Amino acid sequence: MSVGAADRATAFWVDGRGGGELRTEPLPRLRDGEVRVRTLLTGISRGTESLVFGGGVPASEHERMRAPFQDGDFPGPVKYGYLNVGVVEDGDAALRGRTVFTLYPHQSAFVVPATALAAVPADVPARRAVLAGAVETAVNILWDAGPLVGDRISVVGGGLIGCAVARLARGIPGAEVVLVDVDRSRAAVAESLGAAFATPGSAPRDQDVVIDTSGSESGLQLALETVVDEGTVVEASWFGDRPVRLTLGADFHSRRLTIRSSQVGMVSPRRRGSRTTADRLALALELLRDPAFDALLTGTSSWRDMPRVMAAIADGSAPGLCHTIDWRDAA
């Protein structure tokens, strides 16, 4: 690698109007306590990044929805993303050569404090490690939901987060887990995760725990209809600036139902006194020793194709779960 290449990086920026571009930008000099990381792979968080790509972040959430190392401001131009696996190439001698996960945007190399890194276990492949952010979110959702041994659990929405929740919930002794989605092709994914599958029309009723990750008002309505009386629906979707209409008449009050939000920005109140965000991320990486999560990796592309790929994901013409971007030959 030439000195010039080491001092610059390629990054993906979006304009908030459905467009994006690759830019070359300088890397800052290392300071005490910092490391330089060379990116191997990044992952696209379909729901959130599609909203960012199209400028769908509400003005009221512009500050709260900032990614940890975001550049620019909403609606754009903005450098956004938070699923990055790379190798430490300079800085702390004890970290050099280590594969790490960082909540960093789509960029070929970057400089961050060493404290921002999470070490990837040696037996977790780099591409699977991209899922750490999704599994961390699933951990937080289940901390919010608090399922018990033997519970009947429905996860509405078979996207990346819903599938991660289903796999983790499947590990609860005696739990019966069903993944509910309109797309019948998700049945094969559910089977590989050890969960049952149902379409909305066949979704089981009287479920002890119902978690909505569908990002749709119909999904949240179905969750309310299928949870047990006096039950709580955990809403883990983020709707951005889209309004959501629900039927809160009918039996909503007579059944004494509750809707509880779940968001990964802070540790669940159930664990906030005993776990940090670093603890939660480290747990997610340990859980990724499970090869069943490979079923969530459904596509990969070169960094050169990032503008086209992100546009296709945002408009729905590139279906799948987690799409990874390969940066290993980037300058």
Protein backbone atom coordinates (compact mmCIF):
# COMPACT_ATOMS: atom_id res chain seq x y z
CA MET A 1 0.00 0.00 0.00
CA SER A 2 1.42 3.42 -0.90
CA VAL A 3 1.61 6.25 1.60
CA GLY A 4 -0.92 8.19 -0.44
CA ALA A 5 -3.41 5.31 -0.37
CA ALA A 6 -3.03 5.01 3.40
CA ASP A 7 -3.94 8.67 3.84
CA ARG A 8 -7.18 8.56 1.87
CA ALA A 9 -10.36 6.49 1.80
CA THR A 10 -13.43 5.94 -0.36
CA ALA A 11 -16.81 6.56 1.30
CA PHE A 12 -20.45 6.29 0.26
CA TRP A 13 -22.62 9.41 0.73
CA VAL A 14 -26.38 9.76 0.16
CA ASP A 15 -28.20 12.95 -0.76
CA GLY A 16 -31.49 12.21 1.04
CA ARG A 17 -33.38 12.39 -2.25
CA GLY A 18 -32.85 8.84 -3.49
CA GLY A 19 -29.31 9.24 -4.78
CA GLY A 20 -25.83 8.39 -3.61
CA GLU A 21 -22.21 8.67 -4.67
CA LEU A 22 -18.72 7.45 -3.83
CA ARG A 23 -16.32 10.11 -2.61
CA THR A 24 -12.60 10.08 -1.88
CA GLU A 25 -11.67 11.85 1.33
CA PRO A 26 -8.57 12.30 3.52
CA LEU A 27 -8.01 10.27 6.66
CA PRO A 28 -6.99 12.15 9.81
CA ARG A 29 -3.63 11.50 11.44
CA LEU A 30 -3.63 9.04 14.31
CA ARG A 31 -3.75 10.51 17.79
CA ASP A 32 -3.13 8.81 21.11
CA GLY A 33 -5.75 6.16 21.77
CA GLU A 34 -6.82 5.92 18.12
CA VAL A 35 -6.50 3.17 15.51
CA ARG A 36 -6.81 2.97 11.76
CA VAL A 37 -9.06 0.23 10.43
CA ARG A 38 -9.10 -1.16 6.90
CA THR A 39 -12.67 -2.23 6.05
CA LEU A 40 -13.34 -5.76 4.86
CA LEU A 41 -17.14 -5.72 4.60
CA THR A 42 -20.07 -3.52 5.46
CA GLY A 43 -23.73 -4.44 5.70
CA ILE A 44 -26.76 -2.47 4.57
CA SER A 45 -29.47 -2.07 7.20
CA ARG A 46 -32.35 -2.15 4.74
CA GLY A 47 -35.10 -0.45 6.71
CA THR A 48 -33.23 2.43 8.30
CA GLU A 49 -30.83 3.05 5.44
CA SER A 50 -33.65 3.08 2.89
CA LEU A 51 -35.39 5.77 4.95
CA VAL A 52 -32.16 7.78 5.13
CA PHE A 53 -31.55 7.28 1.40
CA GLY A 54 -34.97 8.72 0.55
CA GLY A 55 -34.88 11.54 3.12
CA GLY A 56 -37.49 9.93 5.38
CA VAL A 57 -35.97 10.85 8.75
CA PRO A 58 -38.43 13.22 10.50
CA ALA A 59 -37.01 16.62 11.43
CA SER A 60 -37.76 15.90 15.08
CA GLU A 61 -35.42 12.87 14.93
CA HIS A 62 -32.49 14.41 13.08
CA GLU A 63 -30.30 14.42 16.18
CA ARG A 64 -31.54 11.23 17.85
CA MET A 65 -31.13 9.18 14.65
CA ARG A 66 -27.52 10.16 13.99
CA ALA A 67 -25.25 7.14 13.54
CA PRO A 68 -22.23 7.06 15.90
CA PHE A 69 -19.72 8.18 13.22
CA GLN A 70 -22.08 9.88 10.79
CA ASP A 71 -20.80 12.80 8.71
CA GLY A 72 -23.20 15.42 7.40
CA ASP A 73 -26.73 16.18 8.53
CA PHE A 74 -30.16 14.84 7.63
CA PRO A 75 -31.73 14.87 5.15
CA GLY A 76 -28.38 15.01 3.32
CA PRO A 77 -25.77 14.84 2.01
CA VAL A 78 -24.88 12.37 4.74
CA LYS A 79 -22.44 9.49 5.26
CA TYR A 80 -24.48 6.90 7.11
CA GLY A 81 -24.27 3.27 8.21
CA TYR A 82 -23.30 1.17 11.22
CA LEU A 83 -22.41 -2.38 10.17
CA ASN A 84 -18.66 -2.45 9.52
CA VAL A 85 -16.14 -5.29 9.87
CA GLY A 86 -12.48 -4.55 9.29
CA VAL A 87 -8.89 -5.20 10.36
CA VAL A 88 -6.82 -2.88 12.55
CA GLU A 89 -3.78 -1.84 10.53
CA ASP A 90 -2.23 0.90 12.67
CA GLY A 91 -2.39 2.24 16.21
CA ASP A 92 -2.40 0.13 19.38
CA ALA A 93 0.15 -2.68 18.84
CA ALA A 94 -2.03 -5.11 20.80
CA LEU A 95 -4.87 -4.58 18.31
CA ARG A 96 -2.97 -4.65 15.02
CA GLY A 97 -4.16 -7.45 12.79
CA ARG A 98 -7.33 -8.03 14.82
CA THR A 99 -10.67 -8.35 13.06
CA VAL A 100 -13.11 -5.88 14.61
CA PHE A 101 -16.70 -4.71 14.35
CA THR A 102 -17.34 -0.96 14.41
CA LEU A 103 -20.51 1.11 14.15
CA TYR A 104 -19.00 2.96 11.20
CA PRO A 105 -20.53 3.99 7.82
CA HIS A 106 -19.68 2.52 4.43
CA GLN A 107 -16.03 3.53 3.97
CA SER A 108 -12.86 1.73 2.88
CA ALA A 109 -10.74 2.83 5.86
CA PHE A 110 -11.22 5.05 8.90
CA VAL A 111 -9.71 6.32 12.14
CA VAL A 112 -11.58 5.91 15.44
CA PRO A 113 -10.83 5.66 19.16
CA ALA A 114 -9.75 2.14 20.10
CA THR A 115 -12.65 2.10 22.56
CA ALA A 116 -15.09 2.16 19.61
CA LEU A 117 -14.01 -1.30 18.46
CA ALA A 118 -15.47 -4.68 19.37
CA ALA A 119 -13.24 -7.69 18.76
CA VAL A 120 -14.74 -10.38 16.52
CA PRO A 121 -14.27 -13.89 17.99
CA ALA A 122 -11.76 -15.92 15.99
CA ASP A 123 -14.37 -18.53 15.07
CA VAL A 124 -16.89 -16.00 13.70
CA PRO A 125 -16.39 -15.40 9.94
CA ALA A 126 -15.99 -11.76 8.96
CA ARG A 127 -19.09 -11.74 6.74
CA ARG A 128 -21.28 -13.20 9.51
CA ALA A 129 -19.86 -10.63 11.94
CA VAL A 130 -21.51 -7.89 9.84
CA LEU A 131 -24.75 -9.08 11.45
CA ALA A 132 -23.57 -7.93 14.91
CA GLY A 133 -25.69 -4.78 14.78
CA ALA A 134 -28.82 -6.76 13.89
CA VAL A 135 -28.22 -9.37 16.58
CA GLU A 136 -27.50 -6.64 19.13
CA THR A 137 -30.84 -5.07 18.23
CA ALA A 138 -32.53 -8.46 18.64
CA VAL A 139 -30.95 -8.88 22.08
CA ASN A 140 -32.34 -5.51 23.16
CA ILE A 141 -35.80 -6.35 21.78
CA LEU A 142 -35.91 -9.58 23.76
CA TRP A 143 -34.74 -7.78 26.89
CA ASP A 144 -37.68 -5.41 26.36
CA ALA A 145 -40.12 -8.26 25.64
CA GLY A 146 -39.00 -10.47 28.54
CA PRO A 147 -40.17 -13.87 27.18
CA LEU A 148 -40.33 -16.78 29.64
CA VAL A 149 -39.71 -20.51 29.45
CA GLY A 150 -42.44 -22.21 27.42
CA ASP A 151 -43.87 -19.00 25.95
CA ARG A 152 -45.70 -18.93 22.64
CA ILE A 153 -43.90 -16.20 20.69
CA SER A 154 -44.81 -14.56 17.39
CA VAL A 155 -42.44 -12.34 15.45
CA VAL A 156 -44.35 -10.34 12.85
CA GLY A 157 -42.10 -9.39 9.95
CA GLY A 158 -39.50 -11.72 8.47
CA GLY A 159 -36.87 -9.12 7.69
CA LEU A 160 -33.34 -9.06 9.06
CA ILE A 161 -34.28 -7.97 12.58
CA GLY A 162 -37.32 -10.23 12.80
CA CYS A 163 -35.27 -13.24 11.74
CA ALA A 164 -32.54 -12.43 14.27
CA VAL A 165 -35.17 -12.14 17.02
CA ALA A 166 -36.73 -15.47 15.99
CA ARG A 167 -33.40 -17.29 16.12
CA LEU A 168 -32.52 -15.97 19.58
CA ALA A 169 -36.04 -16.60 20.92
CA ARG A 170 -35.84 -20.17 19.63
CA GLY A 171 -33.13 -20.80 22.22
CA ILE A 172 -35.53 -20.27 25.14
CA PRO A 173 -36.41 -23.71 26.59
CA GLY A 174 -39.89 -24.84 25.63
CA ALA A 175 -40.60 -21.74 23.56
CA GLU A 176 -42.75 -22.06 20.44
CA VAL A 177 -41.62 -19.44 17.95
CA VAL A 178 -43.43 -18.53 14.75
CA LEU A 179 -42.23 -16.05 12.14
CA VAL A 180 -45.13 -14.28 10.39
CA ASP A 181 -44.65 -12.67 6.98
CA VAL A 182 -46.59 -11.99 3.78
CA ASP A 183 -43.71 -13.41 1.73
CA ARG A 184 -44.05 -17.20 1.62
CA SER A 185 -40.39 -17.54 0.60
CA ARG A 186 -39.51 -16.60 4.19
CA ALA A 187 -40.74 -20.07 5.22
CA ALA A 188 -37.41 -21.60 4.18
CA VAL A 189 -35.50 -19.03 6.22
CA ALA A 190 -37.73 -19.64 9.24
CA GLU A 191 -37.07 -23.38 8.98
CA SER A 192 -33.30 -22.82 8.90
CA LEU A 193 -33.65 -20.70 12.04
CA GLY A 194 -35.63 -23.38 13.85
CA ALA A 195 -38.88 -21.39 13.84
CA ALA A 196 -42.31 -22.16 12.43
CA PHE A 197 -43.75 -19.96 9.67
CA ALA A 198 -47.18 -18.46 9.10
CA THR A 199 -48.75 -15.98 6.72
CA PRO A 200 -50.89 -13.24 8.29
CA GLY A 201 -54.04 -15.22 7.54
CA SER A 202 -52.79 -18.28 9.40
CA ALA A 203 -50.99 -16.53 12.25
CA PRO A 204 -51.75 -18.16 15.64
CA ARG A 205 -53.84 -16.27 18.19
CA ASP A 206 -53.44 -15.87 21.97
CA GLN A 207 -49.67 -15.59 21.79
CA ASP A 208 -47.87 -14.82 25.07
CA VAL A 209 -45.35 -12.54 23.37
CA VAL A 210 -45.79 -10.74 20.05
CA ILE A 211 -42.98 -8.64 18.57
CA ASP A 212 -43.59 -6.50 15.49
CA THR A 213 -40.63 -5.85 13.21
CA SER A 214 -42.65 -5.53 9.98
CA GLY A 215 -42.42 -1.76 9.53
CA SER A 216 -46.06 -1.77 8.41
CA GLU A 217 -49.28 -0.66 10.04
CA SER A 218 -50.93 -3.93 8.99
CA GLY A 219 -48.19 -5.84 10.79
CA LEU A 220 -48.69 -3.90 14.00
CA GLN A 221 -52.46 -4.34 13.73
CA LEU A 222 -51.99 -8.09 13.30
CA ALA A 223 -49.73 -8.14 16.35
CA LEU A 224 -52.50 -6.55 18.44
CA GLU A 225 -55.03 -9.05 17.14
CA THR A 226 -52.87 -12.09 17.93
CA VAL A 227 -51.49 -11.28 21.39
CA VAL A 228 -53.13 -12.80 24.47
CA ASP A 229 -55.66 -10.76 26.49
CA GLU A 230 -53.89 -8.16 28.66
CA GLY A 231 -50.79 -8.84 26.59
CA THR A 232 -48.08 -6.49 25.41
CA VAL A 233 -46.98 -6.01 21.82
CA VAL A 234 -43.36 -4.91 21.48
CA GLU A 235 -43.07 -2.55 18.53
CA ALA A 236 -39.52 -2.75 17.16
CA SER A 237 -40.10 -1.17 13.74
CA TRP A 238 -39.14 2.37 12.88
CA PHE A 239 -41.60 4.12 10.60
CA GLY A 240 -39.60 7.28 9.97
CA ASP A 241 -41.96 10.07 8.84
CA ARG A 242 -44.78 7.72 7.75
CA PRO A 243 -48.09 7.98 9.67
CA VAL A 244 -49.48 4.76 11.15
CA ARG A 245 -53.23 4.10 11.47
CA LEU A 246 -54.47 1.50 13.96
CA THR A 247 -57.86 0.25 15.09
CA LEU A 248 -57.80 1.19 18.75
CA GLY A 249 -61.54 0.84 19.12
CA ALA A 250 -63.12 -2.64 18.91
CA ASP A 251 -61.59 -4.82 21.64
CA PHE A 252 -58.34 -2.90 22.22
CA HIS A 253 -59.55 -1.49 25.55
CA SER A 254 -61.69 -4.41 26.67
CA ARG A 255 -58.72 -6.75 26.20
CA ARG A 256 -56.46 -4.22 28.01
CA LEU A 257 -53.70 -4.41 25.42
CA THR A 258 -50.38 -2.55 25.60
CA ILE A 259 -47.97 -1.37 22.91
CA ARG A 260 -44.37 -0.94 24.09
CA SER A 261 -41.66 0.59 21.93
CA SER A 262 -38.20 -0.94 21.61
CA GLN A 263 -35.22 0.98 20.28
CA VAL A 264 -31.56 0.01 20.23
CA GLY A 265 -30.13 3.47 20.94
CA MET A 266 -30.15 2.74 24.68
CA VAL A 267 -29.94 -0.50 26.63
CA SER A 268 -33.37 -1.84 27.62
CA PRO A 269 -34.55 -0.47 31.00
CA ARG A 270 -34.68 -4.08 32.20
CA ARG A 271 -30.88 -4.32 31.89
CA ARG A 272 -29.69 -0.71 31.96
CA GLY A 273 -28.46 -0.96 35.52
CA SER A 274 -26.26 -3.98 34.83
CA ARG A 275 -25.25 -3.91 31.14
CA THR A 276 -23.62 -1.30 28.92
CA THR A 277 -23.95 -0.93 25.17
CA ALA A 278 -20.44 -2.42 24.91
CA ASP A 279 -21.59 -5.45 26.92
CA ARG A 280 -24.59 -5.86 24.63
CA LEU A 281 -22.48 -5.70 21.45
CA ALA A 282 -19.94 -8.17 22.84
CA LEU A 283 -22.80 -10.56 23.62
CA ALA A 284 -24.12 -10.21 20.07
CA LEU A 285 -20.73 -11.14 18.64
CA GLU A 286 -20.53 -14.19 20.90
CA LEU A 287 -24.00 -15.28 19.76
CA LEU A 288 -22.83 -15.08 16.15
CA ARG A 289 -20.84 -18.25 16.69
CA ASP A 290 -24.14 -19.86 15.66
CA PRO A 291 -23.84 -20.75 11.93
CA ALA A 292 -27.64 -20.59 11.54
CA PHE A 293 -27.26 -16.83 11.15
CA ASP A 294 -25.63 -17.39 7.75
CA ALA A 295 -29.17 -17.79 6.38
CA LEU A 296 -29.59 -14.02 6.85
CA LEU A 297 -26.74 -13.21 4.44
CA THR A 298 -28.51 -13.09 1.10
CA GLY A 299 -26.40 -11.02 -1.26
CA THR A 300 -23.06 -9.29 -1.75
CA SER A 301 -21.67 -6.65 -4.10
CA SER A 302 -18.49 -4.71 -4.73
CA TRP A 303 -18.13 -1.27 -3.18
CA ARG A 304 -18.02 0.08 -6.74
CA ASP A 305 -21.70 -0.84 -7.16
CA MET A 306 -22.85 0.77 -3.92
CA PRO A 307 -24.89 3.64 -5.49
CA ARG A 308 -26.82 1.23 -7.73
CA VAL A 309 -27.29 -1.39 -5.03
CA MET A 310 -28.57 1.08 -2.44
CA ALA A 311 -31.06 2.52 -4.93
CA ALA A 312 -32.35 -0.98 -5.77
CA ILE A 313 -32.73 -1.89 -2.10
CA ALA A 314 -34.55 1.35 -1.36
CA ASP A 315 -37.06 0.93 -4.22
CA GLY A 316 -37.67 -2.73 -3.42
CA SER A 317 -36.26 -4.18 -6.64
CA ALA A 318 -33.46 -5.99 -4.78
CA PRO A 319 -35.18 -8.18 -2.16
CA GLY A 320 -33.35 -10.12 0.51
CA LEU A 321 -32.19 -9.81 4.10
CA CYS A 322 -28.65 -8.59 4.76
CA HIS A 323 -26.77 -7.41 1.68
CA THR A 324 -23.04 -7.04 2.25
CA ILE A 325 -20.60 -4.72 0.49
CA ASP A 326 -17.06 -6.02 -0.16
CA TRP A 327 -14.35 -3.37 0.34
CA ARG A 328 -11.31 -5.66 0.31
CA ASP A 329 -9.90 -4.34 -2.98
CA ALA A 330 -10.73 -0.68 -2.31
CA ALA A 331 -7.92 1.87 -2.35
